[in-house]
Amino acid sequence: LWPLLLCVFALLWPLALQAQTNFVYVTNSTGTANTVEAFSVDHAGLLTPVAGSPFSTGGTGATVLCSAIDRITVNAARNLLFVSNAGNQTISVMHIDPATGVLTAVAGSPFASGLTLDSCAGISLAATPDGNFLMASSNGTIATFAINPTTGALSPASSVTGLPVPMVGMKISGNGQLLAVSHESSVSVFTINVDGSLTAVAGSPFAKTGTGLVGAVEFNCDGTL
């Protein structure tokens, strides 16, 4: 039904009972205006459209050429949803109403990512669990943005360049200490510093073994990739 279906639930269930544990968000990213569909979820898992859905991101979508691009992510600590708009290389930030699931763009959204696209033609996003930083990656660069604790607005904080391409899936560990990015034939891993800057761990990037390509990456609860 949608070119990209990504169900976004809070990763930390006890901390998110007031936020998006009852909602699912889907980005309709094509080659036109980008939108997000919002659904409420009942106790049986039945989805019901949220009033006003779909919500415009204010950006332009694009057809992404690689699987596992993380174009949408939620931060429970701030009740914020982030969506990448690959068509014009921007990032939309939307406040989640914890009672209704309704999305409202924060002031200034969408924000320029400063990124260019690689052969995957997408931008992956990952937010730190504390809601302080958002990372965006594409074409050999990871850009870190500080998240304003009051408004949700993004401001550039730091960046890492010269990484392998393409850049596919990207995830932050549950403890907020590590970031991993897939390059299909390798995976880069970084420690996340208190100011949001990134430091490559020894030996990164790590080459894949076996056949096939690395798409999505994920951590288990203790931060092991």
Protein backbone atom coordinates (compact mmCIF):
# COMPACT_ATOMS: atom_id res chain seq x y z
CA LEU A 1 0.00 0.00 0.00
CA TRP A 2 2.86 2.37 0.80
CA PRO A 3 6.36 2.50 -0.73
CA LEU A 4 7.72 2.43 2.79
CA LEU A 5 6.01 0.95 5.81
CA LEU A 6 7.71 1.55 9.10
CA CYS A 7 5.83 0.99 12.32
CA VAL A 8 7.24 3.16 15.06
CA PHE A 9 6.66 2.00 18.63
CA ALA A 10 8.55 3.25 21.67
CA LEU A 11 11.54 1.04 22.42
CA LEU A 12 11.41 1.69 26.13
CA TRP A 13 7.90 0.56 27.10
CA PRO A 14 7.84 1.74 30.74
CA LEU A 15 9.04 5.21 29.80
CA ALA A 16 6.59 5.70 26.96
CA LEU A 17 3.18 4.82 28.35
CA GLN A 18 2.21 8.49 28.03
CA ALA A 19 3.61 8.81 24.54
CA GLN A 20 3.59 6.78 21.34
CA THR A 21 3.12 3.20 22.59
CA ASN A 22 -0.47 3.49 21.30
CA PHE A 23 0.35 4.88 17.86
CA VAL A 24 1.92 3.73 14.60
CA TYR A 25 3.38 6.12 12.02
CA VAL A 26 3.99 5.45 8.33
CA THR A 27 5.88 7.68 5.92
CA ASN A 28 4.51 7.91 2.37
CA SER A 29 7.79 8.89 0.77
CA THR A 30 7.56 8.93 -3.02
CA GLY A 31 8.64 11.55 -5.54
CA THR A 32 6.09 14.11 -4.41
CA ALA A 33 5.08 15.89 -1.22
CA ASN A 34 5.98 13.69 1.74
CA THR A 35 3.31 12.77 4.29
CA VAL A 36 2.99 10.67 7.44
CA GLU A 37 0.00 8.44 8.15
CA ALA A 38 -0.89 8.07 11.83
CA PHE A 39 -2.87 5.23 13.42
CA SER A 40 -4.02 4.50 16.94
CA VAL A 41 -3.64 0.89 18.12
CA ASP A 42 -6.18 -0.83 20.37
CA HIS A 43 -5.55 -3.71 22.79
CA ALA A 44 -6.13 -6.24 19.99
CA GLY A 45 -3.72 -4.52 17.60
CA LEU A 46 -6.43 -3.01 15.39
CA LEU A 47 -5.31 0.17 13.61
CA THR A 48 -7.59 3.20 13.35
CA PRO A 49 -6.57 6.37 11.46
CA VAL A 50 -5.83 9.34 13.70
CA ALA A 51 -7.97 12.41 13.04
CA GLY A 52 -6.30 14.63 10.45
CA SER A 53 -4.07 11.88 9.04
CA PRO A 54 -2.12 11.96 6.76
CA PHE A 55 0.04 14.84 8.00
CA SER A 56 2.31 16.80 5.66
CA THR A 57 6.00 16.83 6.50
CA GLY A 58 6.49 20.02 4.51
CA GLY A 59 9.23 18.28 2.53
CA THR A 60 9.59 16.32 -0.69
CA GLY A 61 9.83 12.55 -0.75
CA ALA A 62 11.88 10.36 -3.06
CA THR A 63 12.01 6.75 -4.19
CA VAL A 64 14.80 5.18 -2.13
CA LEU A 65 16.83 2.56 -4.01
CA CYS A 66 18.11 0.47 -1.06
CA SER A 67 16.16 -1.44 1.55
CA ALA A 68 16.56 -0.67 5.27
CA ILE A 69 16.93 3.12 5.00
CA ASP A 70 15.65 4.45 8.35
CA ARG A 71 13.60 7.41 7.09
CA ILE A 72 11.43 7.82 10.20
CA THR A 73 12.13 7.57 13.92
CA VAL A 74 10.47 8.51 17.21
CA ASN A 75 11.95 9.89 20.41
CA ALA A 76 9.80 9.04 23.43
CA ALA A 77 11.66 11.38 25.77
CA ARG A 78 10.53 14.44 23.81
CA ASN A 79 7.32 13.15 22.13
CA LEU A 80 8.91 13.94 18.77
CA LEU A 81 8.80 12.23 15.40
CA PHE A 82 11.55 12.79 12.81
CA VAL A 83 11.18 12.16 9.07
CA SER A 84 13.77 12.55 6.34
CA ASN A 85 12.69 14.11 3.05
CA ALA A 86 15.18 12.77 0.53
CA GLY A 87 13.65 14.73 -2.33
CA ASN A 88 14.95 18.02 -0.96
CA GLN A 89 17.40 16.68 1.68
CA THR A 90 15.53 18.08 4.67
CA ILE A 91 14.46 16.68 8.04
CA SER A 92 10.97 17.25 9.41
CA VAL A 93 10.37 17.38 13.17
CA MET A 94 6.82 16.85 14.41
CA HIS A 95 5.43 16.96 17.92
CA ILE A 96 3.30 13.94 18.91
CA ASP A 97 0.22 14.70 20.98
CA PRO A 98 0.51 11.94 23.62
CA ALA A 99 -3.28 11.73 24.02
CA THR A 100 -4.40 11.73 20.38
CA GLY A 101 -1.34 10.89 18.27
CA VAL A 102 -1.89 14.02 16.19
CA LEU A 103 1.30 15.41 14.62
CA THR A 104 2.18 19.11 14.60
CA ALA A 105 5.27 20.47 12.87
CA VAL A 106 7.63 22.30 15.22
CA ALA A 107 8.60 25.87 14.34
CA GLY A 108 11.17 25.98 11.54
CA SER A 109 10.48 22.45 10.26
CA PRO A 110 11.61 21.07 7.87
CA PHE A 111 15.29 21.70 8.61
CA ALA A 112 18.11 21.54 6.07
CA SER A 113 20.20 18.38 6.55
CA GLY A 114 23.28 19.63 4.72
CA LEU A 115 23.62 16.12 3.24
CA THR A 116 23.91 14.93 -0.34
CA LEU A 117 22.57 11.58 -1.53
CA ASP A 118 24.52 8.48 -2.48
CA SER A 119 23.39 5.59 -4.72
CA CYS A 120 20.76 4.55 -2.14
CA ALA A 121 19.10 7.99 -2.57
CA GLY A 122 17.94 8.16 1.03
CA ILE A 123 18.77 9.69 4.42
CA SER A 124 18.69 7.54 7.56
CA LEU A 125 17.84 8.96 10.98
CA ALA A 126 18.49 7.88 14.57
CA ALA A 127 17.78 9.79 17.80
CA THR A 128 19.53 9.33 21.13
CA PRO A 129 17.21 7.92 23.84
CA ASP A 130 17.58 11.04 26.00
CA GLY A 131 16.22 13.19 23.17
CA ASN A 132 19.27 15.44 23.04
CA PHE A 133 20.63 14.56 19.59
CA LEU A 134 19.52 13.39 16.16
CA MET A 135 21.93 11.73 13.72
CA ALA A 136 21.33 11.78 9.94
CA SER A 137 23.47 9.90 7.42
CA SER A 138 24.02 9.74 3.66
CA ASN A 139 26.85 9.75 1.11
CA GLY A 140 29.73 9.18 3.54
CA THR A 141 28.62 11.74 6.14
CA ILE A 142 26.90 11.49 9.51
CA ALA A 143 25.50 14.84 10.66
CA THR A 144 24.66 15.31 14.34
CA PHE A 145 21.97 17.81 15.29
CA ALA A 146 21.19 19.12 18.77
CA ILE A 147 17.48 18.93 19.61
CA ASN A 148 16.17 21.98 21.41
CA PRO A 149 14.63 20.67 24.66
CA THR A 150 11.84 23.24 24.57
CA THR A 151 10.92 23.64 20.90
CA GLY A 152 12.25 20.46 19.25
CA ALA A 153 14.12 22.53 16.66
CA LEU A 154 17.32 21.13 15.16
CA SER A 155 20.68 22.88 15.06
CA PRO A 156 23.91 21.45 13.60
CA ALA A 157 26.28 20.15 16.29
CA SER A 158 29.01 18.12 14.56
CA SER A 159 29.68 15.78 11.66
CA VAL A 160 31.80 12.84 10.55
CA THR A 161 32.82 12.60 6.89
CA GLY A 162 34.76 10.28 4.60
CA LEU A 163 32.85 7.12 5.51
CA PRO A 164 32.18 4.27 3.06
CA VAL A 165 29.23 4.54 0.70
CA PRO A 166 26.45 3.78 0.28
CA MET A 167 24.96 4.38 3.72
CA VAL A 168 21.93 2.27 4.53
CA GLY A 169 20.44 1.44 7.95
CA MET A 170 21.47 3.35 11.09
CA LYS A 171 20.70 2.62 14.74
CA ILE A 172 21.62 3.87 18.22
CA SER A 173 21.94 1.43 21.10
CA GLY A 174 19.32 1.45 23.83
CA ASN A 175 21.83 2.84 26.33
CA GLY A 176 22.57 5.74 23.97
CA GLN A 177 26.30 5.05 23.88
CA LEU A 178 26.84 3.53 20.43
CA LEU A 179 25.85 4.29 16.84
CA ALA A 180 26.05 1.78 13.99
CA VAL A 181 25.70 2.45 10.26
CA SER A 182 25.49 -0.12 7.47
CA HIS A 183 27.40 0.37 4.21
CA GLU A 184 26.13 -2.90 2.67
CA SER A 185 29.62 -4.44 2.60
CA SER A 186 30.72 -3.12 6.01
CA VAL A 187 29.42 -1.56 9.22
CA SER A 188 30.78 1.53 10.96
CA VAL A 189 30.45 1.77 14.75
CA PHE A 190 30.94 4.90 16.86
CA THR A 191 30.80 5.88 20.48
CA ILE A 192 28.51 8.84 21.13
CA ASN A 193 30.15 11.55 23.23
CA VAL A 194 28.27 13.76 25.70
CA ASP A 195 28.25 16.64 23.20
CA GLY A 196 26.80 14.41 20.47
CA SER A 197 30.06 14.10 18.55
CA LEU A 198 31.11 10.66 17.33
CA THR A 199 34.32 8.70 17.82
CA ALA A 200 34.98 5.62 15.67
CA VAL A 201 35.63 2.48 17.70
CA ALA A 202 38.87 0.61 17.04
CA GLY A 203 38.72 -1.38 13.82
CA SER A 204 35.71 0.47 12.36
CA PRO A 205 34.43 0.03 9.69
CA PHE A 206 34.04 -3.73 10.04
CA ALA A 207 33.88 -5.76 6.82
CA LYS A 208 31.02 -8.21 6.41
CA THR A 209 31.55 -11.93 6.15
CA GLY A 210 29.62 -14.47 4.12
CA THR A 211 27.40 -13.69 1.17
CA GLY A 212 24.80 -11.01 0.64
CA LEU A 213 24.74 -7.39 1.72
CA VAL A 214 24.24 -5.79 5.13
CA GLY A 215 21.00 -3.81 5.20
CA ALA A 216 19.41 -3.06 8.56
CA VAL A 217 21.45 -2.93 11.77
CA GLU A 218 20.19 -3.23 15.34
CA PHE A 219 21.46 -3.49 18.90
CA ASN A 220 20.23 -5.76 21.66
CA CYS A 221 19.32 -4.22 25.00
CA ASP A 222 22.85 -4.14 26.44
CA GLY A 223 24.27 -2.34 23.43
CA THR A 224 25.74 -5.35 21.61
CA LEU A 225 25.47 -5.10 17.81
